[in-house]
C-alpha atoms as a PDB file:
ATOM      1  CA  MET A   1       0.000   0.000   0.000  1.00  0.00           C
ATOM      2  CA  LYS A   2       1.311   3.426  -0.937  1.00  0.00           C
ATOM      3  CA  ASN A   3       1.974   5.969   1.814  1.00  0.00           C
ATOM      4  CA  GLU A   4      -0.241   8.975   1.009  1.00  0.00           C
ATOM      5  CA  ARG A   5       1.462  11.373   3.459  1.00  0.00           C
ATOM      6  CA  ASN A   6       3.815  12.780   0.811  1.00  0.00           C
ATOM      7  CA  SER A   7       2.376  11.013  -2.193  1.00  0.00           C
ATOM      8  CA  GLN A   8       4.195  12.893  -4.928  1.00  0.00           C
ATOM      9  CA  SER A   9       5.828  10.650  -7.483  1.00  0.00           C
ATOM     10  CA  PHE A  10       9.553   9.979  -7.085  1.00  0.00           C
ATOM     11  CA  ASN A  11      11.385  12.944  -8.534  1.00  0.00           C
ATOM     12  CA  THR A  12      15.063  12.885  -9.525  1.00  0.00           C
ATOM     13  CA  ARG A  13      15.374  16.650 -10.016  1.00  0.00           C
ATOM     14  CA  ALA A  14      17.473  18.483  -7.460  1.00  0.00           C
ATOM     15  CA  TRP A  15      15.531  20.525  -4.964  1.00  0.00           C
ATOM     16  CA  ASN A  16      16.024  24.275  -5.043  1.00  0.00           C
ATOM     17  CA  VAL A  17      18.581  25.422  -2.470  1.00  0.00           C
ATOM     18  CA  ILE A  18      17.794  28.999  -1.429  1.00  0.00           C
ATOM     19  CA  SER A  19      20.799  29.566   0.829  1.00  0.00           C
ATOM     20  CA  ARG A  20      23.862  27.737   2.031  1.00  0.00           C
ATOM     21  CA  LEU A  21      25.662  28.648   5.250  1.00  0.00           C
ATOM     22  CA  LYS A  22      29.037  27.115   6.149  1.00  0.00           C
ATOM     23  CA  LYS A  23      28.960  26.093   9.826  1.00  0.00           C
ATOM     24  CA  PHE A  24      32.313  24.280  10.174  1.00  0.00           C
ATOM     25  CA  GLU A  25      35.367  23.357   8.117  1.00  0.00           C
ATOM     26  CA  ASN A  26      38.610  21.422   8.568  1.00  0.00           C
ATOM     27  CA  SER A  27      40.788  19.252   6.312  1.00  0.00           C
ATOM     28  CA  TRP A  28      38.366  16.307   6.606  1.00  0.00           C
ATOM     29  CA  LEU A  29      34.931  17.848   6.548  1.00  0.00           C
ATOM     30  CA  THR A  30      32.853  20.931   5.764  1.00  0.00           C
ATOM     31  CA  ILE A  31      29.378  21.231   7.303  1.00  0.00           C
ATOM     32  CA  PHE A  32      26.686  23.354   5.655  1.00  0.00           C
ATOM     33  CA  GLU A  33      23.127  24.263   6.510  1.00  0.00           C
ATOM     34  CA  GLU A  34      21.089  24.439   3.305  1.00  0.00           C
ATOM     35  CA  ARG A  35      17.706  26.155   3.239  1.00  0.00           C
ATOM     36  CA  THR A  36      15.792  24.214   0.621  1.00  0.00           C
ATOM     37  CA  VAL A  37      12.396  24.452  -1.066  1.00  0.00           C
ATOM     38  CA  LEU A  38      10.635  21.092  -0.773  1.00  0.00           C
ATOM     39  CA  PRO A  39       8.365  19.740  -3.546  1.00  0.00           C
ATOM     40  CA  ASN A  40       5.364  20.981  -1.492  1.00  0.00           C
ATOM     41  CA  GLN A  41       6.898  24.509  -1.732  1.00  0.00           C
ATOM     42  CA  LYS A  42       7.721  24.684   1.996  1.00  0.00           C
ATOM     43  CA  ASP A  43      11.192  25.669   3.220  1.00  0.00           C
ATOM     44  CA  PHE A  44      13.306  23.233   5.207  1.00  0.00           C
ATOM     45  CA  VAL A  45      16.877  23.399   6.532  1.00  0.00           C
ATOM     46  CA  PHE A  46      19.078  20.355   5.885  1.00  0.00           C
ATOM     47  CA  THR A  47      22.532  19.737   7.326  1.00  0.00           C
ATOM     48  CA  VAL A  48      24.933  18.555   4.614  1.00  0.00           C
ATOM     49  CA  ALA A  49      28.501  17.376   5.148  1.00  0.00           C
ATOM     50  CA  LYS A  50      30.988  17.688   2.311  1.00  0.00           C
ATOM     51  CA  ALA A  51      33.548  15.015   3.109  1.00  0.00           C
ATOM     52  CA  SER A  52      36.545  13.509   1.378  1.00  0.00           C
ATOM     53  CA  ASN A  53      35.979  10.332  -0.595  1.00  0.00           C
ATOM     54  CA  TRP A  54      37.393   7.183   0.990  1.00  0.00           C
ATOM     55  CA  VAL A  55      38.685   3.755   0.144  1.00  0.00           C
ATOM     56  CA  SER A  56      38.192   0.550   2.096  1.00  0.00           C
ATOM     57  CA  VAL A  57      40.250  -2.530   1.257  1.00  0.00           C
ATOM     58  CA  LEU A  58      39.554  -6.194   1.969  1.00  0.00           C
ATOM     59  CA  PRO A  59      43.015  -7.819   1.873  1.00  0.00           C
ATOM     60  CA  ILE A  60      43.295 -11.596   1.516  1.00  0.00           C
ATOM     61  CA  THR A  61      46.509 -13.439   2.362  1.00  0.00           C
ATOM     62  CA  LYS A  62      47.767 -16.367   0.288  1.00  0.00           C
ATOM     63  CA  GLU A  63      46.357 -18.623   3.053  1.00  0.00           C
ATOM     64  CA  GLY A  64      42.880 -17.183   2.452  1.00  0.00           C
ATOM     65  CA  ASN A  65      42.746 -15.128   5.657  1.00  0.00           C
ATOM     66  CA  PHE A  66      41.778 -11.467   5.989  1.00  0.00           C
ATOM     67  CA  LEU A  67      44.083  -8.717   7.229  1.00  0.00           C
ATOM     68  CA  LEU A  68      42.439  -6.199   9.540  1.00  0.00           C
ATOM     69  CA  VAL A  69      43.802  -3.241  11.435  1.00  0.00           C
ATOM     70  CA  GLU A  70      43.038  -2.424  15.037  1.00  0.00           C
ATOM     71  CA  GLN A  71      43.241   1.232  15.949  1.00  0.00           C
ATOM     72  CA  TYR A  72      41.794   3.690  18.429  1.00  0.00           C
ATOM     73  CA  ARG A  73      38.772   5.716  17.289  1.00  0.00           C
ATOM     74  CA  PRO A  74      38.528   8.956  19.327  1.00  0.00           C
ATOM     75  CA  ALA A  75      34.807   9.490  18.650  1.00  0.00           C
ATOM     76  CA  TRP A  76      34.020   6.030  20.055  1.00  0.00           C
ATOM     77  CA  LYS A  77      36.581   6.178  22.908  1.00  0.00           C
ATOM     78  CA  SER A  78      37.572   2.619  22.031  1.00  0.00           C
ATOM     79  CA  ASN A  79      39.576   0.529  19.598  1.00  0.00           C
ATOM     80  CA  SER A  80      38.076  -0.587  16.313  1.00  0.00           C
ATOM     81  CA  LEU A  81      38.887  -3.700  14.309  1.00  0.00           C
ATOM     82  CA  GLU A  82      38.373  -2.965  10.614  1.00  0.00           C
ATOM     83  CA  PHE A  83      39.668  -3.348   7.093  1.00  0.00           C
ATOM     84  CA  PRO A  84      42.387  -0.871   6.040  1.00  0.00           C
ATOM     85  CA  ALA A  85      40.782   2.372   4.909  1.00  0.00           C
ATOM     86  CA  GLY A  86      41.397   6.059   4.495  1.00  0.00           C
ATOM     87  CA  LYS A  87      40.633   9.185   2.565  1.00  0.00           C
ATOM     88  CA  ILE A  88      41.650   9.806  -1.022  1.00  0.00           C
ATOM     89  CA  GLU A  89      44.387  12.442  -0.978  1.00  0.00           C
ATOM     90  CA  GLY A  90      44.678  15.297  -3.508  1.00  0.00           C
ATOM     91  CA  LYS A  91      44.521  14.049  -7.083  1.00  0.00           C
ATOM     92  CA  GLU A  92      44.898  10.357  -6.227  1.00  0.00           C
ATOM     93  CA  SER A  93      42.645   7.900  -7.982  1.00  0.00           C
ATOM     94  CA  PRO A  94      40.695   5.544  -5.708  1.00  0.00           C
ATOM     95  CA  LYS A  95      43.041   2.720  -6.756  1.00  0.00           C
ATOM     96  CA  GLN A  96      46.155   4.760  -5.888  1.00  0.00           C
ATOM     97  CA  ALA A  97      44.653   5.632  -2.503  1.00  0.00           C
ATOM     98  CA  ALA A  98      43.850   1.966  -1.825  1.00  0.00           C
ATOM     99  CA  MET A  99      47.454   0.969  -2.619  1.00  0.00           C
ATOM    100  CA  ARG A 100      48.827   3.723  -0.359  1.00  0.00           C
ATOM    101  CA  GLU A 101      46.483   2.927   2.530  1.00  0.00           C
ATOM    102  CA  MET A 102      47.324  -0.784   2.306  1.00  0.00           C
ATOM    103  CA  GLN A 103      51.031  -0.035   2.535  1.00  0.00           C
ATOM    104  CA  GLU A 104      50.680   2.573   5.306  1.00  0.00           C
ATOM    105  CA  GLU A 105      48.329   0.522   7.475  1.00  0.00           C
ATOM    106  CA  THR A 106      49.443  -3.079   6.874  1.00  0.00           C
ATOM    107  CA  GLY A 107      52.935  -2.906   5.352  1.00  0.00           C
ATOM    108  CA  TYR A 108      51.708  -4.813   2.277  1.00  0.00           C
ATOM    109  CA  ILE A 109      51.149  -3.806  -1.340  1.00  0.00           C
ATOM    110  CA  PRO A 110      48.702  -5.882  -3.383  1.00  0.00           C
ATOM    111  CA  LYS A 111      49.759  -7.083  -6.834  1.00  0.00           C
ATOM    112  CA  SER A 112      46.046  -7.538  -7.595  1.00  0.00           C
ATOM    113  CA  LEU A 113      43.544  -4.828  -6.637  1.00  0.00           C
ATOM    114  CA  THR A 114      39.928  -5.058  -7.828  1.00  0.00           C
ATOM    115  CA  LEU A 115      37.182  -2.468  -7.318  1.00  0.00           C
ATOM    116  CA  LEU A 116      34.146  -4.294  -5.913  1.00  0.00           C
ATOM    117  CA  TYR A 117      31.736  -1.374  -5.564  1.00  0.00           C
ATOM    118  CA  LYS A 118      31.352   2.263  -4.645  1.00  0.00           C
ATOM    119  CA  ALA A 119      28.705   3.388  -2.180  1.00  0.00           C
ATOM    120  CA  ARG A 120      27.621   6.304  -0.052  1.00  0.00           C
ATOM    121  CA  PRO A 121      28.153   5.583   3.658  1.00  0.00           C
ATOM    122  CA  VAL A 122      25.358   7.823   5.038  1.00  0.00           C
ATOM    123  CA  THR A 123      22.640  10.046   3.581  1.00  0.00           C
ATOM    124  CA  TRP A 124      23.813  13.393   4.956  1.00  0.00           C
ATOM    125  CA  THR A 125      27.249  13.470   3.298  1.00  0.00           C
ATOM    126  CA  THR A 126      28.550  13.954  -0.243  1.00  0.00           C
ATOM    127  CA  GLN A 127      31.148  11.248   0.338  1.00  0.00           C
ATOM    128  CA  TRP A 128      31.745   8.106  -1.716  1.00  0.00           C
ATOM    129  CA  VAL A 129      33.523   4.996  -0.409  1.00  0.00           C
ATOM    130  CA  TYR A 130      35.339   2.827  -2.959  1.00  0.00           C
ATOM    131  CA  ALA A 131      35.613  -0.801  -1.816  1.00  0.00           C
ATOM    132  CA  PHE A 132      38.474  -2.925  -3.117  1.00  0.00           C
ATOM    133  CA  LEU A 133      39.601  -6.544  -2.953  1.00  0.00           C
ATOM    134  CA  ALA A 134      43.381  -6.902  -2.492  1.00  0.00           C
ATOM    135  CA  ARG A 135      45.235 -10.132  -3.341  1.00  0.00           C
ATOM    136  CA  GLU A 136      48.805 -11.308  -3.890  1.00  0.00           C
ATOM    137  CA  LEU A 137      50.103  -9.235  -1.007  1.00  0.00           C
ATOM    138  CA  GLU A 138      53.779  -8.315  -1.047  1.00  0.00           C
ATOM    139  CA  PHE A 139      55.484  -7.068   2.117  1.00  0.00           C
ATOM    140  CA  SER A 140      56.731  -3.486   1.703  1.00  0.00           C
ATOM    141  CA  PRO A 141      56.577  -1.588   5.010  1.00  0.00           C
ATOM    142  CA  LYS A 142      55.949   2.135   5.179  1.00  0.00           C
ATOM    143  CA  ILE A 143      55.440   4.299   8.231  1.00  0.00           C
ATOM    144  CA  ALA A 144      51.805   4.968   9.099  1.00  0.00           C
ATOM    145  CA  ASP A 145      50.375   8.465   9.486  1.00  0.00           C
ATOM    146  CA  GLU A 146      51.490  10.258  12.662  1.00  0.00           C
ATOM    147  CA  SER A 147      48.006   9.970  14.204  1.00  0.00           C
ATOM    148  CA  GLU A 148      47.712   6.229  13.589  1.00  0.00           C
ATOM    149  CA  PHE A 149      48.834   3.562  16.048  1.00  0.00           C
ATOM    150  CA  ILE A 150      47.902   0.333  14.329  1.00  0.00           C
ATOM    151  CA  THR A 151      48.045  -3.372  15.145  1.00  0.00           C
ATOM    152  CA  ILE A 152      47.662  -5.794  12.215  1.00  0.00           C
ATOM    153  CA  VAL A 153      45.315  -8.721  12.883  1.00  0.00           C
ATOM    154  CA  GLU A 154      44.939 -11.761  10.597  1.00  0.00           C
ATOM    155  CA  VAL A 155      41.659 -13.692  10.846  1.00  0.00           C
ATOM    156  CA  LYS A 156      39.971 -16.571   9.064  1.00  0.00           C
ATOM    157  CA  PRO A 157      36.718 -15.704   7.211  1.00  0.00           C
ATOM    158  CA  SER A 158      34.624 -17.721   9.713  1.00  0.00           C
ATOM    159  CA  GLU A 159      36.313 -15.918  12.617  1.00  0.00           C
ATOM    160  CA  LEU A 160      35.546 -12.513  11.076  1.00  0.00           C
ATOM    161  CA  GLU A 161      31.854 -13.347  10.878  1.00  0.00           C
ATOM    162  CA  ARG A 162      31.890 -14.433  14.521  1.00  0.00           C
ATOM    163  CA  LEU A 163      33.603 -11.131  15.519  1.00  0.00           C
ATOM    164  CA  ILE A 164      30.785  -9.224  13.772  1.00  0.00           C
ATOM    165  CA  GLU A 165      28.091 -11.325  15.477  1.00  0.00           C
ATOM    166  CA  GLN A 166      29.750 -10.765  18.876  1.00  0.00           C
ATOM    167  CA  GLY A 167      29.827  -6.980  18.316  1.00  0.00           C
ATOM    168  CA  LYS A 168      33.630  -6.869  18.271  1.00  0.00           C
ATOM    169  CA  ILE A 169      33.581  -5.445  14.728  1.00  0.00           C
ATOM    170  CA  VAL A 170      31.157  -2.515  14.497  1.00  0.00           C
ATOM    171  CA  GLU A 171      32.570  -0.326  11.718  1.00  0.00           C
ATOM    172  CA  LEU A 172      29.895  -0.312   9.002  1.00  0.00           C
ATOM    173  CA  GLN A 173      32.115  -0.299   5.909  1.00  0.00           C
ATOM    174  CA  THR A 174      34.043  -3.355   7.165  1.00  0.00           C
ATOM    175  CA  ILE A 175      30.800  -5.221   7.791  1.00  0.00           C
ATOM    176  CA  ALA A 176      29.327  -4.237   4.409  1.00  0.00           C
ATOM    177  CA  LEU A 177      32.515  -5.119   2.525  1.00  0.00           C
ATOM    178  CA  PHE A 178      32.812  -8.501   4.263  1.00  0.00           C
ATOM    179  CA  TYR A 179      29.208  -9.489   3.532  1.00  0.00           C
ATOM    180  CA  TYR A 180      29.403  -8.228  -0.052  1.00  0.00           C
ATOM    181  CA  PHE A 181      32.548 -10.318  -0.568  1.00  0.00           C
ATOM    182  CA  SER A 182      30.957 -13.340   1.147  1.00  0.00           C
ATOM    183  CA  GLN A 183      27.917 -13.204  -1.141  1.00  0.00           C
ATOM    184  CA  ASN A 184      29.772 -12.523  -4.393  1.00  0.00           C
ATOM    185  CA  HIS A 185      33.406 -13.647  -4.209  1.00  0.00           C
ATOM    186  CA  SER A 186      33.986 -16.055  -1.319  1.00  0.00           C
ATOM    187  CA  ASN A 187      34.406 -18.986  -3.716  1.00  0.00           C
ATOM    188  CA  THR A 188      37.574 -17.285  -5.039  1.00  0.00           C
ATOM    189  CA  ILE A 189      39.582 -17.666  -1.788  1.00  0.00           C
END
């Protein structure tokens, strides 16, 4: 049954933004308040975050295990176990960023790097996340960013699923990437 509350047909045209006020900006994020005219001609203020695009990488060892990184997440006040990830710097392509992040966070460079998908992590940001599968890992250490204190963790695919079920892995992109891989590529381990 169709919801009649706002029963206008789906419209792909952009809504008219009347004003845009920058509320915050740093090297990672710019937050705007946009006064917008809705399809019913009423004004509404949306908060929009312009954020850097990111990469997330699912690395598989020659034994068929996954490499994860454990690092402290200040917003959560706890450590997070997740796939290597980071923002795309300057004019890097997503693939170049994935290679760099792999080397910085794990000390490995993949000989094979395949884009699995790109997705938007949340509805209030302009950001894209590019998800990659990394294989044929070659050790080539590089120093991590100065704000990163990382421990590399190697887990079997069945163990990773158990860590998600137990709430020990909570980072959304890691969970999405793992389940996407499990549904579409797990037979290639």
